[in-house]
Amino acid sequence: MIKYLEKNFDEEVKGKKVLVDFFATWCGPCKMLAETLKEVEKEITIDIIKVDVDKFPDEASRYNVFSVPTIYLMDDLKILKTHTGYLNKEELKEFIK
């Protein structure tokens, strides 16, 4: 399921394995990745949390996000993997494994 961060990042992520997508609405590669996430969402079992860096700059700073899109695979707030830039469907599925 794709969810947009609305309030507290820690509450959304704590105790779960999630894919976090740090994005900006003005970012072309972010829009492309959003479409890929919609495709992959049907094939994966973890939640996708989308974080708009313009609405949540403190979270972007906290996780050292300097460019978008940046995705993190996290488990209970612990970063397992990170990637910056666009990934196609197969690359994204491999990243999540």
PDB file of N, CA and C in Angstrom:
ATOM      1  N   MET A   1       0.829  -1.170   0.000  1.00  0.00           N
ATOM      2  CA  MET A   1       0.000   0.000   0.000  1.00  0.00           C
ATOM      3  C   MET A   1       0.884   1.249   0.000  1.00  0.00           C
ATOM      4  N   ILE A   2       0.528   2.230  -0.825  1.00  0.00           N
ATOM      5  CA  ILE A   2       1.247   3.497  -0.869  1.00  0.00           C
ATOM      6  C   ILE A   2       0.535   4.491   0.044  1.00  0.00           C
ATOM      7  N   LYS A   3       1.316   5.072   0.958  1.00  0.00           N
ATOM      8  CA  LYS A   3       0.772   6.067   1.881  1.00  0.00           C
ATOM      9  C   LYS A   3       1.640   7.315   1.808  1.00  0.00           C
ATOM     10  N   TYR A   4       1.003   8.467   1.841  1.00  0.00           N
ATOM     11  CA  TYR A   4       1.743   9.727   1.904  1.00  0.00           C
ATOM     12  C   TYR A   4       1.880  10.145   3.359  1.00  0.00           C
ATOM     13  N   LEU A   5       3.106  10.518   3.733  1.00  0.00           N
ATOM     14  CA  LEU A   5       3.339  10.971   5.099  1.00  0.00           C
ATOM     15  C   LEU A   5       2.515  12.224   5.347  1.00  0.00           C
ATOM     16  N   GLU A   6       1.765  12.213   6.429  1.00  0.00           N
ATOM     17  CA  GLU A   6       0.943  13.362   6.777  1.00  0.00           C
ATOM     18  C   GLU A   6       1.332  13.977   8.116  1.00  0.00           C
ATOM     19  N   LYS A   7       1.867  13.166   9.015  1.00  0.00           N
ATOM     20  CA  LYS A   7       2.184  13.703  10.342  1.00  0.00           C
ATOM     21  C   LYS A   7       3.556  13.274  10.818  1.00  0.00           C
ATOM     22  N   ASN A   8       3.615  12.151  11.512  1.00  0.00           N
ATOM     23  CA  ASN A   8       4.824  11.744  12.206  1.00  0.00           C
ATOM     24  C   ASN A   8       5.507  10.573  11.498  1.00  0.00           C
ATOM     25  N   PHE A   9       6.705  10.828  11.013  1.00  0.00           N
ATOM     26  CA  PHE A   9       7.464   9.812  10.285  1.00  0.00           C
ATOM     27  C   PHE A   9       7.702   8.570  11.137  1.00  0.00           C
ATOM     28  N   ASP A  10       8.171   8.759  12.359  1.00  0.00           N
ATOM     29  CA  ASP A  10       8.501   7.627  13.223  1.00  0.00           C
ATOM     30  C   ASP A  10       7.288   6.721  13.459  1.00  0.00           C
ATOM     31  N   GLU A  11       6.112   7.317  13.643  1.00  0.00           N
ATOM     32  CA  GLU A  11       4.905   6.516  13.858  1.00  0.00           C
ATOM     33  C   GLU A  11       4.559   5.665  12.642  1.00  0.00           C
ATOM     34  N   GLU A  12       4.806   6.188  11.442  1.00  0.00           N
ATOM     35  CA  GLU A  12       4.493   5.456  10.212  1.00  0.00           C
ATOM     36  C   GLU A  12       5.468   4.316   9.950  1.00  0.00           C
ATOM     37  N   VAL A  13       6.700   4.470  10.413  1.00  0.00           N
ATOM     38  CA  VAL A  13       7.766   3.536  10.056  1.00  0.00           C
ATOM     39  C   VAL A  13       8.135   2.574  11.180  1.00  0.00           C
ATOM     40  N   LYS A  14       7.989   2.997  12.413  1.00  0.00           N
ATOM     41  CA  LYS A  14       8.434   2.197  13.561  1.00  0.00           C
ATOM     42  C   LYS A  14       7.755   0.827  13.596  1.00  0.00           C
ATOM     43  N   GLY A  15       8.579  -0.189  13.780  1.00  0.00           N
ATOM     44  CA  GLY A  15       8.071  -1.552  13.929  1.00  0.00           C
ATOM     45  C   GLY A  15       7.667  -2.220  12.624  1.00  0.00           C
ATOM     46  N   LYS A  16       7.991  -1.611  11.489  1.00  0.00           N
ATOM     47  CA  LYS A  16       7.592  -2.157  10.193  1.00  0.00           C
ATOM     48  C   LYS A  16       8.773  -2.183   9.235  1.00  0.00           C
ATOM     49  N   LYS A  17       8.673  -3.066   8.264  1.00  0.00           N
ATOM     50  CA  LYS A  17       9.593  -3.026   7.128  1.00  0.00           C
ATOM     51  C   LYS A  17       8.866  -2.254   6.036  1.00  0.00           C
ATOM     52  N   VAL A  18       9.475  -1.145   5.566  1.00  0.00           N
ATOM     53  CA  VAL A  18       8.832  -0.268   4.598  1.00  0.00           C
ATOM     54  C   VAL A  18       9.830   0.215   3.554  1.00  0.00           C
ATOM     55  N   LEU A  19       9.291   0.655   2.439  1.00  0.00           N
ATOM     56  CA  LEU A  19      10.066   1.357   1.431  1.00  0.00           C
ATOM     57  C   LEU A  19       9.684   2.821   1.553  1.00  0.00           C
ATOM     58  N   VAL A  20      10.665   3.683   1.781  1.00  0.00           N
ATOM     59  CA  VAL A  20      10.410   5.111   1.938  1.00  0.00           C
ATOM     60  C   VAL A  20      10.904   5.830   0.691  1.00  0.00           C
ATOM     61  N   ASP A  21      10.009   6.588   0.075  1.00  0.00           N
ATOM     62  CA  ASP A  21      10.324   7.347  -1.134  1.00  0.00           C
ATOM     63  C   ASP A  21      10.327   8.832  -0.791  1.00  0.00           C
ATOM     64  N   PHE A  22      11.522   9.435  -0.736  1.00  0.00           N
ATOM     65  CA  PHE A  22      11.659  10.874  -0.556  1.00  0.00           C
ATOM     66  C   PHE A  22      11.576  11.494  -1.944  1.00  0.00           C
ATOM     67  N   PHE A  23      10.590  12.379  -2.144  1.00  0.00           N
ATOM     68  CA  PHE A  23      10.328  12.924  -3.472  1.00  0.00           C
ATOM     69  C   PHE A  23       9.966  14.404  -3.381  1.00  0.00           C
ATOM     70  N   ALA A  24       9.857  15.034  -4.554  1.00  0.00           N
ATOM     71  CA  ALA A  24       9.343  16.399  -4.657  1.00  0.00           C
ATOM     72  C   ALA A  24       8.361  16.436  -5.823  1.00  0.00           C
ATOM     73  N   THR A  25       7.312  17.224  -5.683  1.00  0.00           N
ATOM     74  CA  THR A  25       6.272  17.268  -6.709  1.00  0.00           C
ATOM     75  C   THR A  25       6.779  17.852  -8.030  1.00  0.00           C
ATOM     76  N   TRP A  26       7.822  18.662  -7.993  1.00  0.00           N
ATOM     77  CA  TRP A  26       8.371  19.309  -9.176  1.00  0.00           C
ATOM     78  C   TRP A  26       9.435  18.465  -9.883  1.00  0.00           C
ATOM     79  N   CYS A  27       9.749  17.311  -9.359  1.00  0.00           N
ATOM     80  CA  CYS A  27      10.869  16.473  -9.832  1.00  0.00           C
ATOM     81  C   CYS A  27      10.402  15.468 -10.890  1.00  0.00           C
ATOM     82  N   GLY A  28      10.949  15.579 -12.097  1.00  0.00           N
ATOM     83  CA  GLY A  28      10.593  14.665 -13.183  1.00  0.00           C
ATOM     84  C   GLY A  28      10.890  13.204 -12.876  1.00  0.00           C
ATOM     85  N   PRO A  29      12.129  12.870 -12.464  1.00  0.00           N
ATOM     86  CA  PRO A  29      12.420  11.471 -12.128  1.00  0.00           C
ATOM     87  C   PRO A  29      11.551  10.938 -10.985  1.00  0.00           C
ATOM     88  N   CYS A  30      11.131  11.822 -10.065  1.00  0.00           N
ATOM     89  CA  CYS A  30      10.239  11.405  -8.971  1.00  0.00           C
ATOM     90  C   CYS A  30       8.890  10.972  -9.524  1.00  0.00           C
ATOM     91  N   LYS A  31       8.397  11.692 -10.522  1.00  0.00           N
ATOM     92  CA  LYS A  31       7.118  11.341 -11.143  1.00  0.00           C
ATOM     93  C   LYS A  31       7.225  10.001 -11.857  1.00  0.00           C
ATOM     94  N   MET A  32       8.363   9.765 -12.526  1.00  0.00           N
ATOM     95  CA  MET A  32       8.578   8.479 -13.194  1.00  0.00           C
ATOM     96  C   MET A  32       8.636   7.346 -12.169  1.00  0.00           C
ATOM     97  N   LEU A  33       9.347   7.580 -11.069  1.00  0.00           N
ATOM     98  CA  LEU A  33       9.448   6.563 -10.019  1.00  0.00           C
ATOM     99  C   LEU A  33       8.088   6.302  -9.386  1.00  0.00           C
ATOM    100  N   ALA A  34       7.265   7.337  -9.251  1.00  0.00           N
ATOM    101  CA  ALA A  34       5.924   7.172  -8.672  1.00  0.00           C
ATOM    102  C   ALA A  34       5.103   6.184  -9.504  1.00  0.00           C
ATOM    103  N   GLU A  35       5.215   6.267 -10.812  1.00  0.00           N
ATOM    104  CA  GLU A  35       4.492   5.334 -11.687  1.00  0.00           C
ATOM    105  C   GLU A  35       5.015   3.913 -11.499  1.00  0.00           C
ATOM    106  N   THR A  36       6.327   3.779 -11.385  1.00  0.00           N
ATOM    107  CA  THR A  36       6.933   2.462 -11.168  1.00  0.00           C
ATOM    108  C   THR A  36       6.495   1.894  -9.822  1.00  0.00           C
ATOM    109  N   LEU A  37       6.432   2.736  -8.803  1.00  0.00           N
ATOM    110  CA  LEU A  37       5.984   2.288  -7.474  1.00  0.00           C
ATOM    111  C   LEU A  37       4.553   1.769  -7.535  1.00  0.00           C
ATOM    112  N   LYS A  38       3.701   2.434  -8.314  1.00  0.00           N
ATOM    113  CA  LYS A  38       2.309   1.977  -8.460  1.00  0.00           C
ATOM    114  C   LYS A  38       2.258   0.590  -9.089  1.00  0.00           C
ATOM    115  N   GLU A  39       3.141   0.343 -10.062  1.00  0.00           N
ATOM    116  CA  GLU A  39       3.189  -0.973 -10.701  1.00  0.00           C
ATOM    117  C   GLU A  39       3.685  -2.043  -9.736  1.00  0.00           C
ATOM    118  N   VAL A  40       4.736  -1.735  -9.000  1.00  0.00           N
ATOM    119  CA  VAL A  40       5.379  -2.705  -8.109  1.00  0.00           C
ATOM    120  C   VAL A  40       4.534  -2.949  -6.860  1.00  0.00           C
ATOM    121  N   GLU A  41       3.755  -1.963  -6.457  1.00  0.00           N
ATOM    122  CA  GLU A  41       2.943  -2.067  -5.246  1.00  0.00           C
ATOM    123  C   GLU A  41       2.100  -3.340  -5.231  1.00  0.00           C
ATOM    124  N   LYS A  42       1.612  -3.740  -6.376  1.00  0.00           N
ATOM    125  CA  LYS A  42       0.755  -4.923  -6.475  1.00  0.00           C
ATOM    126  C   LYS A  42       1.524  -6.226  -6.276  1.00  0.00           C
ATOM    127  N   GLU A  43       2.840  -6.162  -6.395  1.00  0.00           N
ATOM    128  CA  GLU A  43       3.666  -7.370  -6.362  1.00  0.00           C
ATOM    129  C   GLU A  43       4.495  -7.517  -5.096  1.00  0.00           C
ATOM    130  N   ILE A  44       4.414  -6.552  -4.186  1.00  0.00           N
ATOM    131  CA  ILE A  44       5.239  -6.608  -2.974  1.00  0.00           C
ATOM    132  C   ILE A  44       4.337  -6.628  -1.740  1.00  0.00           C
ATOM    133  N   THR A  45       4.923  -7.006  -0.626  1.00  0.00           N
ATOM    134  CA  THR A  45       4.137  -7.132   0.603  1.00  0.00           C
ATOM    135  C   THR A  45       4.432  -6.041   1.627  1.00  0.00           C
ATOM    136  N   ILE A  46       5.363  -5.144   1.327  1.00  0.00           N
ATOM    137  CA  ILE A  46       5.681  -4.085   2.292  1.00  0.00           C
ATOM    138  C   ILE A  46       4.994  -2.787   1.891  1.00  0.00           C
ATOM    139  N   ASP A  47       4.785  -1.918   2.873  1.00  0.00           N
ATOM    140  CA  ASP A  47       4.174  -0.619   2.617  1.00  0.00           C
ATOM    141  C   ASP A  47       5.188   0.327   1.988  1.00  0.00           C
ATOM    142  N   ILE A  48       4.683   1.257   1.212  1.00  0.00           N
ATOM    143  CA  ILE A  48       5.489   2.320   0.624  1.00  0.00           C
ATOM    144  C   ILE A  48       5.043   3.621   1.266  1.00  0.00           C
ATOM    145  N   ILE A  49       5.997   4.328   1.864  1.00  0.00           N
ATOM    146  CA  ILE A  49       5.711   5.611   2.497  1.00  0.00           C
ATOM    147  C   ILE A  49       6.362   6.700   1.647  1.00  0.00           C
ATOM    148  N   LYS A  50       5.553   7.607   1.119  1.00  0.00           N
ATOM    149  CA  LYS A  50       6.060   8.701   0.309  1.00  0.00           C
ATOM    150  C   LYS A  50       6.211   9.944   1.172  1.00  0.00           C
ATOM    151  N   VAL A  51       7.397  10.560   1.119  1.00  0.00           N
ATOM    152  CA  VAL A  51       7.697  11.734   1.932  1.00  0.00           C
ATOM    153  C   VAL A  51       8.052  12.894   1.004  1.00  0.00           C
ATOM    154  N   ASP A  52       7.196  13.907   0.976  1.00  0.00           N
ATOM    155  CA  ASP A  52       7.437  15.105   0.176  1.00  0.00           C
ATOM    156  C   ASP A  52       8.481  15.949   0.905  1.00  0.00           C
ATOM    157  N   VAL A  53       9.654  16.100   0.306  1.00  0.00           N
ATOM    158  CA  VAL A  53      10.751  16.800   0.983  1.00  0.00           C
ATOM    159  C   VAL A  53      10.461  18.288   1.184  1.00  0.00           C
ATOM    160  N   ASP A  54       9.547  18.843   0.386  1.00  0.00           N
ATOM    161  CA  ASP A  54       9.192  20.248   0.573  1.00  0.00           C
ATOM    162  C   ASP A  54       8.246  20.440   1.761  1.00  0.00           C
ATOM    163  N   LYS A  55       7.447  19.435   2.066  1.00  0.00           N
ATOM    164  CA  LYS A  55       6.548  19.500   3.218  1.00  0.00           C
ATOM    165  C   LYS A  55       7.213  19.016   4.505  1.00  0.00           C
ATOM    166  N   PHE A  56       8.193  18.130   4.359  1.00  0.00           N
ATOM    167  CA  PHE A  56       8.880  17.548   5.519  1.00  0.00           C
ATOM    168  C   PHE A  56      10.398  17.688   5.384  1.00  0.00           C
ATOM    169  N   PRO A  57      10.892  18.939   5.346  1.00  0.00           N
ATOM    170  CA  PRO A  57      12.339  19.138   5.182  1.00  0.00           C
ATOM    171  C   PRO A  57      13.155  18.603   6.351  1.00  0.00           C
ATOM    172  N   ASP A  58      12.573  18.575   7.535  1.00  0.00           N
ATOM    173  CA  ASP A  58      13.310  18.055   8.693  1.00  0.00           C
ATOM    174  C   ASP A  58      13.590  16.563   8.538  1.00  0.00           C
ATOM    175  N   GLU A  59      12.632  15.822   7.997  1.00  0.00           N
ATOM    176  CA  GLU A  59      12.843  14.387   7.778  1.00  0.00           C
ATOM    177  C   GLU A  59      13.898  14.160   6.697  1.00  0.00           C
ATOM    178  N   ALA A  60      13.837  14.964   5.639  1.00  0.00           N
ATOM    179  CA  ALA A  60      14.842  14.847   4.579  1.00  0.00           C
ATOM    180  C   ALA A  60      16.234  15.127   5.134  1.00  0.00           C
ATOM    181  N   SER A  61      16.332  16.136   5.958  1.00  0.00           N
ATOM    182  CA  SER A  61      17.614  16.472   6.570  1.00  0.00           C
ATOM    183  C   SER A  61      18.074  15.378   7.526  1.00  0.00           C
ATOM    184  N   ARG A  62      17.159  14.898   8.319  1.00  0.00           N
ATOM    185  CA  ARG A  62      17.465  13.843   9.307  1.00  0.00           C
ATOM    186  C   ARG A  62      18.043  12.597   8.636  1.00  0.00           C
ATOM    187  N   TYR A  63      17.555  12.290   7.447  1.00  0.00           N
ATOM    188  CA  TYR A  63      18.017  11.102   6.726  1.00  0.00           C
ATOM    189  C   TYR A  63      18.988  11.431   5.593  1.00  0.00           C
ATOM    190  N   ASN A  64      19.571  12.635   5.650  1.00  0.00           N
ATOM    191  CA  ASN A  64      20.605  13.043   4.698  1.00  0.00           C
ATOM    192  C   ASN A  64      20.177  12.893   3.242  1.00  0.00           C
ATOM    193  N   VAL A  65      18.961  13.307   2.948  1.00  0.00           N
ATOM    194  CA  VAL A  65      18.473  13.282   1.572  1.00  0.00           C
ATOM    195  C   VAL A  65      18.876  14.599   0.927  1.00  0.00           C
ATOM    196  N   PHE A  66      19.803  14.514  -0.036  1.00  0.00           N
ATOM    197  CA  PHE A  66      20.321  15.706  -0.699  1.00  0.00           C
ATOM    198  C   PHE A  66      19.792  15.855  -2.120  1.00  0.00           C
ATOM    199  N   SER A  67      19.262  14.780  -2.680  1.00  0.00           N
ATOM    200  CA  SER A  67      18.652  14.861  -4.003  1.00  0.00           C
ATOM    201  C   SER A  67      17.496  13.870  -4.060  1.00  0.00           C
ATOM    202  N   VAL A  68      16.580  14.140  -4.976  1.00  0.00           N
ATOM    203  CA  VAL A  68      15.393  13.306  -5.105  1.00  0.00           C
ATOM    204  C   VAL A  68      15.290  12.778  -6.531  1.00  0.00           C
ATOM    205  N   PRO A  69      14.708  11.609  -6.700  1.00  0.00           N
ATOM    206  CA  PRO A  69      14.166  10.737  -5.664  1.00  0.00           C
ATOM    207  C   PRO A  69      15.263   9.976  -4.926  1.00  0.00           C
ATOM    208  N   THR A  70      15.055   9.777  -3.659  1.00  0.00           N
ATOM    209  CA  THR A  70      15.893   8.902  -2.839  1.00  0.00           C
ATOM    210  C   THR A  70      14.962   7.914  -2.149  1.00  0.00           C
ATOM    211  N   ILE A  71      15.306   6.645  -2.258  1.00  0.00           N
ATOM    212  CA  ILE A  71      14.490   5.631  -1.591  1.00  0.00           C
ATOM    213  C   ILE A  71      15.327   4.896  -0.554  1.00  0.00           C
ATOM    214  N   TYR A  72      14.661   4.547   0.535  1.00  0.00           N
ATOM    215  CA  TYR A  72      15.265   3.766   1.611  1.00  0.00           C
ATOM    216  C   TYR A  72      14.413   2.536   1.842  1.00  0.00           C
ATOM    217  N   LEU A  73      15.061   1.410   2.004  1.00  0.00           N
ATOM    218  CA  LEU A  73      14.407   0.217   2.513  1.00  0.00           C
ATOM    219  C   LEU A  73      14.732   0.214   3.996  1.00  0.00           C
ATOM    220  N   MET A  74      13.697   0.270   4.826  1.00  0.00           N
ATOM    221  CA  MET A  74      13.899   0.399   6.266  1.00  0.00           C
ATOM    222  C   MET A  74      13.153  -0.696   7.019  1.00  0.00           C
ATOM    223  N   ASP A  75      13.707  -1.063   8.157  1.00  0.00           N
ATOM    224  CA  ASP A  75      13.049  -2.007   9.048  1.00  0.00           C
ATOM    225  C   ASP A  75      13.137  -1.417  10.454  1.00  0.00           C
ATOM    226  N   ASP A  76      11.981  -1.053  11.007  1.00  0.00           N
ATOM    227  CA  ASP A  76      11.907  -0.460  12.348  1.00  0.00           C
ATOM    228  C   ASP A  76      12.865   0.728  12.495  1.00  0.00           C
ATOM    229  N   LEU A  77      12.792   1.659  11.547  1.00  0.00           N
ATOM    230  CA  LEU A  77      13.590   2.884  11.506  1.00  0.00           C
ATOM    231  C   LEU A  77      15.066   2.658  11.191  1.00  0.00           C
ATOM    232  N   LYS A  78      15.469   1.436  10.961  1.00  0.00           N
ATOM    233  CA  LYS A  78      16.855   1.137  10.609  1.00  0.00           C
ATOM    234  C   LYS A  78      16.958   1.067   9.079  1.00  0.00           C
ATOM    235  N   ILE A  79      17.924   1.779   8.527  1.00  0.00           N
ATOM    236  CA  ILE A  79      18.123   1.790   7.078  1.00  0.00           C
ATOM    237  C   ILE A  79      18.844   0.513   6.657  1.00  0.00           C
ATOM    238  N   LEU A  80      18.211  -0.248   5.765  1.00  0.00           N
ATOM    239  CA  LEU A  80      18.812  -1.468   5.237  1.00  0.00           C
ATOM    240  C   LEU A  80      19.521  -1.207   3.917  1.00  0.00           C
ATOM    241  N   LYS A  81      18.891  -0.386   3.054  1.00  0.00           N
ATOM    242  CA  LYS A  81      19.449  -0.052   1.744  1.00  0.00           C
ATOM    243  C   LYS A  81      18.998   1.346   1.366  1.00  0.00           C
ATOM    244  N   THR A  82      19.780   1.979   0.492  1.00  0.00           N
ATOM    245  CA  THR A  82      19.404   3.283  -0.027  1.00  0.00           C
ATOM    246  C   THR A  82      19.771   3.388  -1.502  1.00  0.00           C
ATOM    247  N   HIS A  83      19.004   4.180  -2.224  1.00  0.00           N
ATOM    248  CA  HIS A  83      19.289   4.431  -3.641  1.00  0.00           C
ATOM    249  C   HIS A  83      18.795   5.825  -3.989  1.00  0.00           C
ATOM    250  N   THR A  84      19.584   6.543  -4.760  1.00  0.00           N
ATOM    251  CA  THR A  84      19.182   7.862  -5.251  1.00  0.00           C
ATOM    252  C   THR A  84      19.046   7.794  -6.761  1.00  0.00           C
ATOM    253  N   GLY A  85      17.926   8.306  -7.259  1.00  0.00           N
ATOM    254  CA  GLY A  85      17.667   8.316  -8.690  1.00  0.00           C
ATOM    255  C   GLY A  85      16.574   7.332  -9.064  1.00  0.00           C
ATOM    256  N   TYR A  86      16.240   7.365 -10.331  1.00  0.00           N
ATOM    257  CA  TYR A  86      15.158   6.531 -10.852  1.00  0.00           C
ATOM    258  C   TYR A  86      15.582   5.067 -10.932  1.00  0.00           C
ATOM    259  N   LEU A  87      14.647   4.161 -10.688  1.00  0.00           N
ATOM    260  CA  LEU A  87      14.820   2.725 -10.908  1.00  0.00           C
ATOM    261  C   LEU A  87      13.645   2.238 -11.741  1.00  0.00           C
ATOM    262  N   ASN A  88      13.922   1.354 -12.719  1.00  0.00           N
ATOM    263  CA  ASN A  88      12.799   0.770 -13.454  1.00  0.00           C
ATOM    264  C   ASN A  88      12.182  -0.340 -12.600  1.00  0.00           C
ATOM    265  N   LYS A  89      11.125  -0.950 -13.110  1.00  0.00           N
ATOM    266  CA  LYS A  89      10.364  -1.925 -12.327  1.00  0.00           C
ATOM    267  C   LYS A  89      11.237  -3.086 -11.843  1.00  0.00           C
ATOM    268  N   GLU A  90      12.020  -3.661 -12.727  1.00  0.00           N
ATOM    269  CA  GLU A  90      12.858  -4.797 -12.333  1.00  0.00           C
ATOM    270  C   GLU A  90      13.930  -4.387 -11.330  1.00  0.00           C
ATOM    271  N   GLU A  91      14.542  -3.240 -11.539  1.00  0.00           N
ATOM    272  CA  GLU A  91      15.562  -2.745 -10.604  1.00  0.00           C
ATOM    273  C   GLU A  91      14.942  -2.491  -9.224  1.00  0.00           C
ATOM    274  N   LEU A  92      13.752  -1.928  -9.218  1.00  0.00           N
ATOM    275  CA  LEU A  92      13.080  -1.642  -7.948  1.00  0.00           C
ATOM    276  C   LEU A  92      12.732  -2.931  -7.208  1.00  0.00           C
ATOM    277  N   LYS A  93      12.234  -3.908  -7.931  1.00  0.00           N
ATOM    278  CA  LYS A  93      11.911  -5.198  -7.292  1.00  0.00           C
ATOM    279  C   LYS A  93      13.180  -5.840  -6.720  1.00  0.00           C
ATOM    280  N   GLU A  94      14.280  -5.744  -7.433  1.00  0.00           N
ATOM    281  CA  GLU A  94      15.549  -6.289  -6.950  1.00  0.00           C
ATOM    282  C   GLU A  94      16.021  -5.522  -5.709  1.00  0.00           C
ATOM    283  N   PHE A  95      15.845  -4.220  -5.692  1.00  0.00           N
ATOM    284  CA  PHE A  95      16.224  -3.393  -4.549  1.00  0.00           C
ATOM    285  C   PHE A  95      15.454  -3.809  -3.301  1.00  0.00           C
ATOM    286  N   ILE A  96      14.181  -4.132  -3.469  1.00  0.00           N
ATOM    287  CA  ILE A  96      13.321  -4.485  -2.334  1.00  0.00           C
ATOM    288  C   ILE A  96      13.638  -5.876  -1.783  1.00  0.00           C
ATOM    289  N   LYS A  97      14.180  -6.765  -2.600  1.00  0.00           N
ATOM    290  CA  LYS A  97      14.477  -8.135  -2.139  1.00  0.00           C
ATOM    291  C   LYS A  97      15.384  -8.152  -0.945  1.00  0.00           C
TER     292      LYS A  97
END
